[in-house]
């Protein structure tokens, strides 16, 4: 067994979900792709993530990042699919009451 597999099994679990299996922190509902988003896209440090989510350990966060780099293409594809879904929902949803009020007042 390699060190990566041991770390992943100690900190990461794969759970079945509606749209397929998801990697998440063992014993928590926080997904690996959430950690990746906070660290890679929002530039949060490992210390900042642990501070925001004190139920996580530094080992949990580093294991999630290691898991991401070992499964980068798969997780990137999942994140892109999530973004495409949100964008499609935005495009197809009718304007909210708030948006309508802004439009009526010429603020949008």
Protein backbone atom coordinates (compact mmCIF):
# COMPACT_ATOMS: atom_id res chain seq x y z
CA UNK A 1 0.00 0.00 0.00
CA UNK A 2 1.38 3.41 -0.92
CA UNK A 3 1.45 6.33 1.47
CA UNK A 4 -1.10 8.22 -0.64
CA UNK A 5 -3.62 5.39 -0.43
CA UNK A 6 -3.08 5.11 3.33
CA UNK A 7 -3.59 8.86 3.84
CA UNK A 8 -6.64 8.87 1.59
CA UNK A 9 -8.22 5.91 3.39
CA UNK A 10 -7.50 7.46 6.78
CA UNK A 11 -9.02 10.84 5.91
CA UNK A 12 -11.16 10.44 2.78
CA UNK A 13 -14.29 8.40 2.14
CA UNK A 14 -16.23 7.83 -1.05
CA UNK A 15 -20.00 8.08 -0.65
CA UNK A 16 -22.66 7.36 -3.22
CA UNK A 17 -24.72 10.35 -4.22
CA UNK A 18 -27.47 11.29 -6.61
CA UNK A 19 -25.03 12.23 -9.35
CA UNK A 20 -22.45 9.55 -8.58
CA UNK A 21 -19.82 8.89 -5.94
CA UNK A 22 -18.32 11.81 -4.05
CA UNK A 23 -15.04 12.02 -2.16
CA UNK A 24 -15.42 13.72 1.20
CA UNK A 25 -13.64 14.09 4.52
CA UNK A 26 -14.18 10.91 6.53
CA UNK A 27 -16.98 11.42 9.04
CA UNK A 28 -17.96 14.85 7.68
CA UNK A 29 -20.15 16.20 4.91
CA UNK A 30 -17.37 18.39 3.54
CA UNK A 31 -16.39 17.26 0.06
CA UNK A 32 -12.88 17.17 -1.36
CA UNK A 33 -13.99 19.57 -4.08
CA UNK A 34 -15.15 22.04 -1.39
CA UNK A 35 -11.66 22.01 0.11
CA UNK A 36 -10.15 22.43 -3.36
CA UNK A 37 -12.43 25.35 -4.14
CA UNK A 38 -11.56 27.14 -0.90
CA UNK A 39 -7.84 26.51 -1.27
CA UNK A 40 -7.25 26.78 -5.01
CA UNK A 41 -9.96 29.22 -6.14
CA UNK A 42 -10.56 31.37 -3.06
CA UNK A 43 -6.89 31.28 -2.00
CA UNK A 44 -7.65 30.15 1.57
CA UNK A 45 -4.65 28.65 3.33
CA UNK A 46 -4.84 25.29 5.09
CA UNK A 47 -4.70 27.14 8.42
CA UNK A 48 -7.61 29.38 7.35
CA UNK A 49 -9.71 26.38 6.31
CA UNK A 50 -9.08 24.67 9.66
CA UNK A 51 -9.91 27.92 11.46
CA UNK A 52 -13.21 28.22 9.57
CA UNK A 53 -14.02 24.54 10.07
CA UNK A 54 -12.47 23.54 13.40
CA UNK A 55 -13.94 20.05 13.13
CA UNK A 56 -11.31 19.43 10.43
CA UNK A 57 -7.67 18.71 11.10
CA UNK A 58 -4.72 19.88 9.07
CA UNK A 59 -4.31 16.23 8.06
CA UNK A 60 -7.87 16.17 6.72
CA UNK A 61 -7.27 19.23 4.56
CA UNK A 62 -3.87 18.09 3.28
CA UNK A 63 -5.32 14.62 2.54
CA UNK A 64 -8.14 16.23 0.57
CA UNK A 65 -5.64 18.25 -1.45
CA UNK A 66 -3.49 15.14 -2.03
CA UNK A 67 -6.58 13.22 -3.11
CA UNK A 68 -7.44 16.05 -5.50
CA UNK A 69 -4.02 15.96 -7.16
CA UNK A 70 -4.26 12.17 -7.49
CA UNK A 71 -7.75 12.50 -9.08
CA UNK A 72 -7.47 15.96 -10.64
CA UNK A 73 -9.12 15.30 -14.00
CA UNK A 74 -12.11 13.57 -12.42
CA UNK A 75 -12.67 16.27 -9.77
CA UNK A 76 -12.10 19.14 -12.22
CA UNK A 77 -14.71 17.59 -14.54
CA UNK A 78 -17.17 17.29 -11.66
CA UNK A 79 -16.60 20.91 -10.66
CA UNK A 80 -17.06 22.08 -14.26
CA UNK A 81 -20.31 20.10 -14.51
CA UNK A 82 -21.54 21.73 -11.29
CA UNK A 83 -20.72 25.20 -12.64
CA UNK A 84 -22.48 24.43 -15.95
CA UNK A 85 -25.58 23.23 -14.08
CA UNK A 86 -25.72 26.40 -11.95
CA UNK A 87 -25.28 28.59 -15.03
CA UNK A 88 -28.07 26.74 -16.86
CA UNK A 89 -30.37 27.18 -13.86
CA UNK A 90 -29.57 30.90 -13.80
CA UNK A 91 -30.36 31.27 -17.48
CA UNK A 92 -33.61 29.32 -17.33
CA UNK A 93 -34.99 30.70 -14.04
CA UNK A 94 -37.50 33.52 -14.19
CA UNK A 95 -36.44 36.81 -12.59
CA UNK A 96 -36.97 37.01 -8.84
CA UNK A 97 -39.35 39.56 -7.31
CA UNK A 98 -36.30 41.51 -6.18
CA UNK A 99 -34.87 41.57 -9.71
CA UNK A 100 -38.25 42.70 -11.06
CA UNK A 101 -38.42 45.52 -8.48
CA UNK A 102 -34.92 46.68 -9.45
CA UNK A 103 -35.88 46.62 -13.12
CA UNK A 104 -39.07 48.59 -12.49
CA UNK A 105 -37.09 51.25 -10.67
CA UNK A 106 -34.51 51.40 -13.43
CA UNK A 107 -31.75 50.08 -11.18
CA UNK A 108 -30.96 47.08 -13.30
